[in-house]
Amino acid sequence: MIKRTVLAAAMIGIGALHAGEVDLVKSKCAACHMLERPTADMIPELKAPPMEAVMYHTKLVMNDKEKMKAFIADYVLNPAAEKSVCESNKVQQYGVMPSLKGSITEEELSKISDHLIENYPSEEFVDMINEIQKNDKMNALLNSPFLINKEALPHMTKLLIKHWDKQALGLSDEQKKKLLVIRKNTIGEVQKAKRKIDTLETEIMEALFMDEESPKDLETKIDEVAKLKAAVTKVHIQCIVDTLEILDDDQIDFLLPFWEYK
C-alpha cells in the first residue's frame, strides 16, 4: 500500500512537472510559434515557423540533447540569421526572432528545451514533410528542363539559397557578389529555355492526342525540345563549374558532403 502511494505521488509529480513545461512553452513561445501540428497549406501564412518545423530542422543538424539545449538557449537569447538551422530563404520570409533576454530565466529555458526536445517534431509532421519533399522531387523531375536529372548532379543555386547566410558555410561578401551574377545568368537562361520547352511539349501532346499526328510528323518539334534541353543542361553544368571555382574546399564539403570533387 505504501509503495502504491509513493508511486502515485511520483506520477502526480511528473504530471505536474510536464504541465509546468507545457504552460511555459505556451507563455513564452506560443505568441509567435504555432505549437500544434500545421497542415501544409497553413505554413506559408504563419508569422513564424511552427514549433514542429523548428525542432525538425534542429534535429536534422544535431542529435545530441545537450548540444540542442545549448543551441536553443543561445538562439533564444542571442538570435542571428547565421545561427539559424532553418533554410536561409525561410529566415528571410519570417525574419529573425526577437531576443527574449531579460524576459526568460535559465531555468525556464532549460525546462522549455527539455519539453521541445522530448515532444517535437511529431511522427505525423515528419511523415508530412517527407511526403511534401517526395512530391517536390517528383514535380521537379517532371518539370525539369534538363537532360540530366540526377541528385549526383547538384543544383547549386538551390543549395546556396538554402545555406546562403549560414555561418557554417561562411560566404564572404565578395563570394556572394560573384555567385549572384552566376545565379542571375543561369536562372535567366534556364527560364527562357523552359518557356519554349513547355510550349513545344504542349503542342506535341495536343498534336498527338487531339490531331492524331504520327511520331514521324512530330520529329521536328521533338528535335527542337531535345536541342533546348541539351543547351539548358550545358548552362546548368557551367553553373556548377563556375560556382565550385568560387567556393573553397571547406565550403564545397559543407554543401556536398557526399560528393567527390577533386
C-alpha atoms as a PDB file:
ATOM      1  CA  MET A   1       0.000   0.000   0.000  1.00  0.00           C
ATOM      2  CA  ILE A   2       2.820   2.373   0.899  1.00  0.00           C
ATOM      3  CA  LYS A   3       4.641   1.556  -2.341  1.00  0.00           C
ATOM      4  CA  ARG A   4       1.496   2.316  -4.338  1.00  0.00           C
ATOM      5  CA  THR A   5       1.054   5.620  -2.546  1.00  0.00           C
ATOM      6  CA  VAL A   6       4.668   6.608  -3.215  1.00  0.00           C
ATOM      7  CA  LEU A   7       4.332   5.610  -6.880  1.00  0.00           C
ATOM      8  CA  ALA A   8       1.089   7.536  -7.250  1.00  0.00           C
ATOM      9  CA  ALA A   9       2.674  10.600  -5.668  1.00  0.00           C
ATOM     10  CA  ALA A  10       5.641  10.296  -8.025  1.00  0.00           C
ATOM     11  CA  MET A  11       3.352  10.060 -11.043  1.00  0.00           C
ATOM     12  CA  ILE A  12       1.429  13.129  -9.903  1.00  0.00           C
ATOM     13  CA  GLY A  13       4.735  14.966  -9.518  1.00  0.00           C
ATOM     14  CA  ILE A  14       5.815  14.001 -13.027  1.00  0.00           C
ATOM     15  CA  GLY A  15       2.437  15.093 -14.389  1.00  0.00           C
ATOM     16  CA  ALA A  16       2.696  18.442 -12.627  1.00  0.00           C
ATOM     17  CA  LEU A  17       6.239  18.925 -13.949  1.00  0.00           C
ATOM     18  CA  HIS A  18       5.078  18.151 -17.505  1.00  0.00           C
ATOM     19  CA  ALA A  19       2.131  20.528 -17.133  1.00  0.00           C
ATOM     20  CA  GLY A  20       4.530  23.223 -15.936  1.00  0.00           C
ATOM     21  CA  GLU A  21       6.702  22.770 -19.030  1.00  0.00           C
ATOM     22  CA  VAL A  22       3.656  22.969 -21.300  1.00  0.00           C
ATOM     23  CA  ASP A  23       2.498  26.177 -19.601  1.00  0.00           C
ATOM     24  CA  LEU A  24       5.980  27.669 -20.004  1.00  0.00           C
ATOM     25  CA  VAL A  25       6.106  26.822 -23.705  1.00  0.00           C
ATOM     26  CA  LYS A  26       2.657  28.345 -24.185  1.00  0.00           C
ATOM     27  CA  SER A  27       3.506  31.536 -22.306  1.00  0.00           C
ATOM     28  CA  LYS A  28       6.957  32.075 -23.823  1.00  0.00           C
ATOM     29  CA  CYS A  29       6.669  30.615 -27.334  1.00  0.00           C
ATOM     30  CA  ALA A  30       3.057  30.407 -28.494  1.00  0.00           C
ATOM     31  CA  ALA A  31       2.680  34.133 -29.183  1.00  0.00           C
ATOM     32  CA  CYS A  32       4.750  33.578 -32.350  1.00  0.00           C
ATOM     33  CA  HIS A  33       5.212  29.841 -32.890  1.00  0.00           C
ATOM     34  CA  MET A  34       2.280  27.561 -33.627  1.00  0.00           C
ATOM     35  CA  LEU A  35       2.526  24.644 -31.175  1.00  0.00           C
ATOM     36  CA  GLU A  36       0.042  22.326 -32.867  1.00  0.00           C
ATOM     37  CA  ARG A  37       0.869  20.363 -35.990  1.00  0.00           C
ATOM     38  CA  PRO A  38       0.183  22.575 -39.022  1.00  0.00           C
ATOM     39  CA  THR A  39      -1.239  21.402 -42.294  1.00  0.00           C
ATOM     40  CA  ALA A  40       0.859  22.085 -45.379  1.00  0.00           C
ATOM     41  CA  ASP A  41      -1.397  24.946 -46.533  1.00  0.00           C
ATOM     42  CA  MET A  42      -1.037  26.766 -43.180  1.00  0.00           C
ATOM     43  CA  ILE A  43       2.756  27.090 -43.260  1.00  0.00           C
ATOM     44  CA  PRO A  44       3.050  29.966 -45.803  1.00  0.00           C
ATOM     45  CA  GLU A  45       0.550  32.045 -43.795  1.00  0.00           C
ATOM     46  CA  LEU A  46       2.260  31.770 -40.384  1.00  0.00           C
ATOM     47  CA  LYS A  47       4.212  34.712 -38.947  1.00  0.00           C
ATOM     48  CA  ALA A  48       6.931  32.406 -37.565  1.00  0.00           C
ATOM     49  CA  PRO A  49       7.945  28.801 -38.243  1.00  0.00           C
ATOM     50  CA  PRO A  50       5.718  26.307 -36.408  1.00  0.00           C
ATOM     51  CA  MET A  51       7.464  24.616 -33.493  1.00  0.00           C
ATOM     52  CA  GLU A  52       7.236  21.303 -35.330  1.00  0.00           C
ATOM     53  CA  ALA A  53       9.356  22.775 -38.145  1.00  0.00           C
ATOM     54  CA  VAL A  54      11.820  24.462 -35.771  1.00  0.00           C
ATOM     55  CA  MET A  55      12.582  21.206 -33.979  1.00  0.00           C
ATOM     56  CA  TYR A  56      12.529  19.197 -37.208  1.00  0.00           C
ATOM     57  CA  HIS A  57      15.362  21.343 -38.582  1.00  0.00           C
ATOM     58  CA  THR A  58      17.169  21.408 -35.234  1.00  0.00           C
ATOM     59  CA  LYS A  59      17.248  17.615 -35.106  1.00  0.00           C
ATOM     60  CA  LEU A  60      18.423  17.445 -38.717  1.00  0.00           C
ATOM     61  CA  VAL A  61      21.510  19.428 -37.756  1.00  0.00           C
ATOM     62  CA  MET A  62      22.253  17.892 -34.343  1.00  0.00           C
ATOM     63  CA  ASN A  63      21.225  14.813 -32.398  1.00  0.00           C
ATOM     64  CA  ASP A  64      22.917  15.332 -29.027  1.00  0.00           C
ATOM     65  CA  LYS A  65      20.449  16.590 -26.394  1.00  0.00           C
ATOM     66  CA  GLU A  66      22.952  18.826 -24.583  1.00  0.00           C
ATOM     67  CA  LYS A  67      24.018  20.432 -27.871  1.00  0.00           C
ATOM     68  CA  MET A  68      20.386  21.063 -28.733  1.00  0.00           C
ATOM     69  CA  LYS A  69      19.716  22.609 -25.330  1.00  0.00           C
ATOM     70  CA  ALA A  70      22.775  24.847 -25.658  1.00  0.00           C
ATOM     71  CA  PHE A  71      21.738  25.869 -29.176  1.00  0.00           C
ATOM     72  CA  ILE A  72      18.154  26.699 -28.112  1.00  0.00           C
ATOM     73  CA  ALA A  73      19.326  28.730 -25.121  1.00  0.00           C
ATOM     74  CA  ASP A  74      21.868  30.672 -27.188  1.00  0.00           C
ATOM     75  CA  TYR A  75      19.468  31.346 -30.067  1.00  0.00           C
ATOM     76  CA  VAL A  76      16.598  32.464 -27.832  1.00  0.00           C
ATOM     77  CA  LEU A  77      18.848  34.964 -26.031  1.00  0.00           C
ATOM     78  CA  ASN A  78      21.113  35.962 -28.935  1.00  0.00           C
ATOM     79  CA  PRO A  79      19.255  35.231 -32.184  1.00  0.00           C
ATOM     80  CA  ALA A  80      21.028  35.809 -35.516  1.00  0.00           C
ATOM     81  CA  ALA A  81      20.325  34.751 -39.092  1.00  0.00           C
ATOM     82  CA  GLU A  82      23.635  32.944 -39.446  1.00  0.00           C
ATOM     83  CA  LYS A  83      22.872  30.768 -36.382  1.00  0.00           C
ATOM     84  CA  SER A  84      19.510  29.578 -37.687  1.00  0.00           C
ATOM     85  CA  VAL A  85      19.009  25.903 -38.527  1.00  0.00           C
ATOM     86  CA  CYS A  86      16.206  26.802 -40.940  1.00  0.00           C
ATOM     87  CA  GLU A  87      16.856  27.441 -44.619  1.00  0.00           C
ATOM     88  CA  SER A  88      18.101  30.951 -45.404  1.00  0.00           C
ATOM     89  CA  ASN A  89      15.057  31.763 -47.554  1.00  0.00           C
ATOM     90  CA  LYS A  90      12.790  30.825 -44.626  1.00  0.00           C
ATOM     91  CA  VAL A  91      14.739  33.183 -42.363  1.00  0.00           C
ATOM     92  CA  GLN A  92      14.182  35.932 -44.957  1.00  0.00           C
ATOM     93  CA  GLN A  93      10.479  35.053 -45.088  1.00  0.00           C
ATOM     94  CA  TYR A  94       9.882  35.088 -41.323  1.00  0.00           C
ATOM     95  CA  GLY A  95      12.728  37.309 -40.149  1.00  0.00           C
ATOM     96  CA  VAL A  96      14.953  36.691 -37.125  1.00  0.00           C
ATOM     97  CA  MET A  97      13.086  36.182 -33.854  1.00  0.00           C
ATOM     98  CA  PRO A  98      13.396  38.914 -31.202  1.00  0.00           C
ATOM     99  CA  SER A  99      15.673  38.159 -28.262  1.00  0.00           C
ATOM    100  CA  LEU A 100      13.955  37.025 -25.063  1.00  0.00           C
ATOM    101  CA  LYS A 101      16.882  38.231 -22.982  1.00  0.00           C
ATOM    102  CA  GLY A 102      15.540  39.704 -19.738  1.00  0.00           C
ATOM    103  CA  SER A 103      12.151  38.042 -20.088  1.00  0.00           C
ATOM    104  CA  ILE A 104      13.137  34.421 -19.540  1.00  0.00           C
ATOM    105  CA  THR A 105      15.336  32.693 -16.962  1.00  0.00           C
ATOM    106  CA  GLU A 106      17.935  29.975 -17.479  1.00  0.00           C
ATOM    107  CA  GLU A 107      15.738  27.548 -15.540  1.00  0.00           C
ATOM    108  CA  GLU A 108      12.754  28.334 -17.761  1.00  0.00           C
ATOM    109  CA  LEU A 109      14.870  27.908 -20.878  1.00  0.00           C
ATOM    110  CA  SER A 110      16.088  24.544 -19.655  1.00  0.00           C
ATOM    111  CA  LYS A 111      12.535  23.316 -18.995  1.00  0.00           C
ATOM    112  CA  ILE A 112      11.283  24.621 -22.323  1.00  0.00           C
ATOM    113  CA  SER A 113      14.117  22.992 -24.292  1.00  0.00           C
ATOM    114  CA  ASP A 114      13.563  19.681 -22.437  1.00  0.00           C
ATOM    115  CA  HIS A 115       9.906  19.758 -23.450  1.00  0.00           C
ATOM    116  CA  LEU A 116      10.620  20.692 -27.074  1.00  0.00           C
ATOM    117  CA  ILE A 117      13.296  18.028 -27.500  1.00  0.00           C
ATOM    118  CA  GLU A 118      11.063  15.385 -25.940  1.00  0.00           C
ATOM    119  CA  ASN A 119       7.873  16.200 -27.838  1.00  0.00           C
ATOM    120  CA  TYR A 120       8.789  17.747 -31.200  1.00  0.00           C
ATOM    121  CA  PRO A 121       8.622  17.041 -34.048  1.00  0.00           C
ATOM    122  CA  SER A 122       5.744  14.565 -34.073  1.00  0.00           C
ATOM    123  CA  GLU A 123       5.889  11.478 -36.270  1.00  0.00           C
ATOM    124  CA  GLU A 124       2.899  12.828 -38.208  1.00  0.00           C
ATOM    125  CA  PHE A 125       4.732  16.064 -39.015  1.00  0.00           C
ATOM    126  CA  VAL A 126       7.863  14.200 -40.144  1.00  0.00           C
ATOM    127  CA  ASP A 127       5.708  11.993 -42.367  1.00  0.00           C
ATOM    128  CA  MET A 128       4.041  15.099 -43.839  1.00  0.00           C
ATOM    129  CA  ILE A 129       7.403  16.755 -44.578  1.00  0.00           C
ATOM    130  CA  ASN A 130       8.734  13.551 -46.148  1.00  0.00           C
ATOM    131  CA  GLU A 131       5.651  13.376 -48.366  1.00  0.00           C
ATOM    132  CA  ILE A 132       5.991  17.039 -49.380  1.00  0.00           C
ATOM    133  CA  GLN A 133       9.666  16.555 -50.220  1.00  0.00           C
ATOM    134  CA  LYS A 134       8.904  13.408 -52.200  1.00  0.00           C
ATOM    135  CA  ASN A 135       6.236  15.263 -54.184  1.00  0.00           C
ATOM    136  CA  ASP A 136       8.562  18.228 -54.702  1.00  0.00           C
ATOM    137  CA  LYS A 137      11.251  15.919 -56.095  1.00  0.00           C
ATOM    138  CA  MET A 138       8.736  14.271 -58.408  1.00  0.00           C
ATOM    139  CA  ASN A 139       7.408  17.634 -59.620  1.00  0.00           C
ATOM    140  CA  ALA A 140      10.943  18.917 -60.125  1.00  0.00           C
ATOM    141  CA  LEU A 141      11.718  15.840 -62.203  1.00  0.00           C
ATOM    142  CA  LEU A 142       8.559  16.111 -64.293  1.00  0.00           C
ATOM    143  CA  ASN A 143       9.002  19.847 -64.900  1.00  0.00           C
ATOM    144  CA  SER A 144      12.760  19.880 -65.270  1.00  0.00           C
ATOM    145  CA  PRO A 145      14.191  21.390 -68.467  1.00  0.00           C
ATOM    146  CA  PHE A 146      17.428  19.418 -68.008  1.00  0.00           C
ATOM    147  CA  LEU A 147      18.501  16.321 -69.896  1.00  0.00           C
ATOM    148  CA  ILE A 148      20.313  15.015 -66.815  1.00  0.00           C
ATOM    149  CA  ASN A 149      18.080  14.622 -63.756  1.00  0.00           C
ATOM    150  CA  LYS A 150      20.164  13.016 -61.051  1.00  0.00           C
ATOM    151  CA  GLU A 151      20.907  14.029 -57.462  1.00  0.00           C
ATOM    152  CA  ALA A 152      24.562  13.343 -58.256  1.00  0.00           C
ATOM    153  CA  LEU A 153      24.409  16.490 -60.404  1.00  0.00           C
ATOM    154  CA  PRO A 154      23.802  19.160 -57.742  1.00  0.00           C
ATOM    155  CA  HIS A 155      21.505  22.127 -58.220  1.00  0.00           C
ATOM    156  CA  MET A 156      23.942  24.710 -56.877  1.00  0.00           C
ATOM    157  CA  THR A 157      21.530  27.655 -56.868  1.00  0.00           C
ATOM    158  CA  LYS A 158      19.064  25.773 -54.645  1.00  0.00           C
ATOM    159  CA  LEU A 159      21.837  24.616 -52.309  1.00  0.00           C
ATOM    160  CA  LEU A 160      23.145  28.158 -51.977  1.00  0.00           C
ATOM    161  CA  ILE A 161      19.681  29.596 -51.295  1.00  0.00           C
ATOM    162  CA  LYS A 162      19.266  27.054 -48.507  1.00  0.00           C
ATOM    163  CA  HIS A 163      22.557  27.947 -46.802  1.00  0.00           C
ATOM    164  CA  TRP A 164      23.249  31.481 -48.070  1.00  0.00           C
ATOM    165  CA  ASP A 165      23.561  33.215 -44.686  1.00  0.00           C
ATOM    166  CA  LYS A 166      24.696  30.218 -42.650  1.00  0.00           C
ATOM    167  CA  GLN A 167      27.758  30.813 -40.506  1.00  0.00           C
ATOM    168  CA  ALA A 168      28.799  27.215 -41.164  1.00  0.00           C
ATOM    169  CA  LEU A 169      29.078  27.935 -44.912  1.00  0.00           C
ATOM    170  CA  GLY A 170      30.827  31.261 -44.342  1.00  0.00           C
ATOM    171  CA  LEU A 171      30.366  33.009 -47.684  1.00  0.00           C
ATOM    172  CA  SER A 172      32.269  36.288 -47.926  1.00  0.00           C
ATOM    173  CA  ASP A 173      30.686  39.402 -49.430  1.00  0.00           C
ATOM    174  CA  GLU A 174      32.957  39.056 -52.467  1.00  0.00           C
ATOM    175  CA  GLN A 175      31.895  35.434 -52.969  1.00  0.00           C
ATOM    176  CA  LYS A 176      28.221  36.384 -52.658  1.00  0.00           C
ATOM    177  CA  LYS A 177      28.626  39.106 -55.276  1.00  0.00           C
ATOM    178  CA  LYS A 178      30.163  36.660 -57.772  1.00  0.00           C
ATOM    179  CA  LEU A 179      27.640  33.919 -57.008  1.00  0.00           C
ATOM    180  CA  LEU A 180      24.712  36.282 -57.532  1.00  0.00           C
ATOM    181  CA  VAL A 181      25.993  37.080 -61.029  1.00  0.00           C
ATOM    182  CA  ILE A 182      26.176  33.353 -61.825  1.00  0.00           C
ATOM    183  CA  ARG A 183      22.694  32.789 -60.394  1.00  0.00           C
ATOM    184  CA  LYS A 184      21.183  35.664 -62.400  1.00  0.00           C
ATOM    185  CA  ASN A 185      22.708  34.478 -65.683  1.00  0.00           C
ATOM    186  CA  THR A 186      21.822  30.830 -65.036  1.00  0.00           C
ATOM    187  CA  ILE A 187      18.223  31.420 -63.957  1.00  0.00           C
ATOM    188  CA  GLY A 188      17.667  33.792 -66.889  1.00  0.00           C
ATOM    189  CA  GLU A 189      18.864  31.263 -69.455  1.00  0.00           C
ATOM    190  CA  VAL A 190      17.006  28.356 -67.841  1.00  0.00           C
ATOM    191  CA  GLN A 191      13.683  30.207 -67.573  1.00  0.00           C
ATOM    192  CA  LYS A 192      13.892  31.436 -71.167  1.00  0.00           C
ATOM    193  CA  ALA A 193      14.521  27.914 -72.446  1.00  0.00           C
ATOM    194  CA  LYS A 194      11.902  26.381 -70.150  1.00  0.00           C
ATOM    195  CA  ARG A 195       9.160  28.625 -71.535  1.00  0.00           C
ATOM    196  CA  LYS A 196       9.999  27.455 -75.060  1.00  0.00           C
ATOM    197  CA  ILE A 197      10.198  23.813 -73.942  1.00  0.00           C
ATOM    198  CA  ASP A 198       6.832  23.994 -72.147  1.00  0.00           C
ATOM    199  CA  THR A 199       5.180  25.470 -75.256  1.00  0.00           C
ATOM    200  CA  LEU A 200       6.661  22.859 -77.569  1.00  0.00           C
ATOM    201  CA  GLU A 201       5.779  19.945 -75.273  1.00  0.00           C
ATOM    202  CA  THR A 202       2.183  21.173 -75.034  1.00  0.00           C
ATOM    203  CA  GLU A 203       1.989  21.453 -78.823  1.00  0.00           C
ATOM    204  CA  ILE A 204       3.406  17.943 -79.210  1.00  0.00           C
ATOM    205  CA  MET A 205       0.900  16.415 -76.766  1.00  0.00           C
ATOM    206  CA  GLU A 206      -2.041  18.248 -78.345  1.00  0.00           C
ATOM    207  CA  ALA A 207      -0.966  17.175 -81.821  1.00  0.00           C
ATOM    208  CA  LEU A 208      -0.518  13.574 -80.697  1.00  0.00           C
ATOM    209  CA  PHE A 209      -3.794  13.132 -78.833  1.00  0.00           C
ATOM    210  CA  MET A 210      -6.120  15.676 -80.451  1.00  0.00           C
ATOM    211  CA  ASP A 211      -4.883  15.932 -84.033  1.00  0.00           C
ATOM    212  CA  GLU A 212      -3.684  12.308 -84.022  1.00  0.00           C
ATOM    213  CA  GLU A 213      -0.437  13.114 -85.765  1.00  0.00           C
ATOM    214  CA  SER A 214       2.140  10.351 -86.044  1.00  0.00           C
ATOM    215  CA  PRO A 215       5.502  10.404 -84.226  1.00  0.00           C
ATOM    216  CA  LYS A 216       7.101  10.981 -87.635  1.00  0.00           C
ATOM    217  CA  ASP A 217       5.118  14.200 -88.086  1.00  0.00           C
ATOM    218  CA  LEU A 218       6.311  15.454 -84.693  1.00  0.00           C
ATOM    219  CA  GLU A 219      10.021  14.829 -85.213  1.00  0.00           C
ATOM    220  CA  THR A 220      10.920  18.467 -85.894  1.00  0.00           C
ATOM    221  CA  LYS A 221       9.400  19.691 -82.634  1.00  0.00           C
ATOM    222  CA  ILE A 222      10.820  16.760 -80.684  1.00  0.00           C
ATOM    223  CA  ASP A 223      14.296  17.541 -82.028  1.00  0.00           C
ATOM    224  CA  GLU A 224      13.829  21.195 -81.056  1.00  0.00           C
ATOM    225  CA  VAL A 225      12.895  20.199 -77.483  1.00  0.00           C
ATOM    226  CA  ALA A 226      15.970  17.960 -77.314  1.00  0.00           C
ATOM    227  CA  LYS A 227      18.240  20.785 -78.507  1.00  0.00           C
ATOM    228  CA  LEU A 228      16.804  23.201 -75.954  1.00  0.00           C
ATOM    229  CA  LYS A 229      17.204  20.672 -73.127  1.00  0.00           C
ATOM    230  CA  ALA A 230      20.775  19.989 -74.206  1.00  0.00           C
ATOM    231  CA  ALA A 231      21.523  23.719 -74.231  1.00  0.00           C
ATOM    232  CA  VAL A 232      19.994  24.339 -70.806  1.00  0.00           C
ATOM    233  CA  THR A 233      21.828  21.333 -69.361  1.00  0.00           C
ATOM    234  CA  LYS A 234      25.097  22.886 -70.552  1.00  0.00           C
ATOM    235  CA  VAL A 235      24.096  26.085 -68.717  1.00  0.00           C
ATOM    236  CA  HIS A 236      23.397  24.035 -65.579  1.00  0.00           C
ATOM    237  CA  ILE A 237      26.763  22.289 -65.749  1.00  0.00           C
ATOM    238  CA  GLN A 238      28.574  25.573 -66.371  1.00  0.00           C
ATOM    239  CA  CYS A 239      26.829  26.999 -63.299  1.00  0.00           C
ATOM    240  CA  ILE A 240      28.155  24.116 -61.192  1.00  0.00           C
ATOM    241  CA  VAL A 241      31.703  24.541 -62.519  1.00  0.00           C
ATOM    242  CA  ASP A 242      31.692  28.337 -62.063  1.00  0.00           C
ATOM    243  CA  THR A 243      30.262  28.030 -58.539  1.00  0.00           C
ATOM    244  CA  LEU A 244      32.843  25.452 -57.464  1.00  0.00           C
ATOM    245  CA  GLU A 245      35.602  27.788 -58.681  1.00  0.00           C
ATOM    246  CA  ILE A 246      34.388  30.460 -56.246  1.00  0.00           C
ATOM    247  CA  LEU A 247      33.941  28.194 -53.207  1.00  0.00           C
ATOM    248  CA  ASP A 248      36.831  26.884 -51.125  1.00  0.00           C
ATOM    249  CA  ASP A 249      37.276  23.198 -50.240  1.00  0.00           C
ATOM    250  CA  ASP A 250      35.584  23.502 -46.837  1.00  0.00           C
ATOM    251  CA  GLN A 251      32.565  25.225 -48.367  1.00  0.00           C
ATOM    252  CA  ILE A 252      32.261  22.532 -51.032  1.00  0.00           C
ATOM    253  CA  ASP A 253      32.455  19.831 -48.362  1.00  0.00           C
ATOM    254  CA  PHE A 254      29.708  21.608 -46.414  1.00  0.00           C
ATOM    255  CA  LEU A 255      27.362  21.871 -49.405  1.00  0.00           C
ATOM    256  CA  LEU A 256      28.216  18.494 -50.936  1.00  0.00           C
ATOM    257  CA  PRO A 257      29.406  16.226 -48.104  1.00  0.00           C
ATOM    258  CA  PHE A 258      28.920  13.028 -50.098  1.00  0.00           C
ATOM    259  CA  TRP A 259      30.099  14.295 -53.465  1.00  0.00           C
ATOM    260  CA  GLU A 260      33.591  13.644 -54.701  1.00  0.00           C
ATOM    261  CA  TYR A 261      35.076  16.756 -56.341  1.00  0.00           C
ATOM    262  CA  LYS A 262      38.817  16.999 -56.853  1.00  0.00           C
END
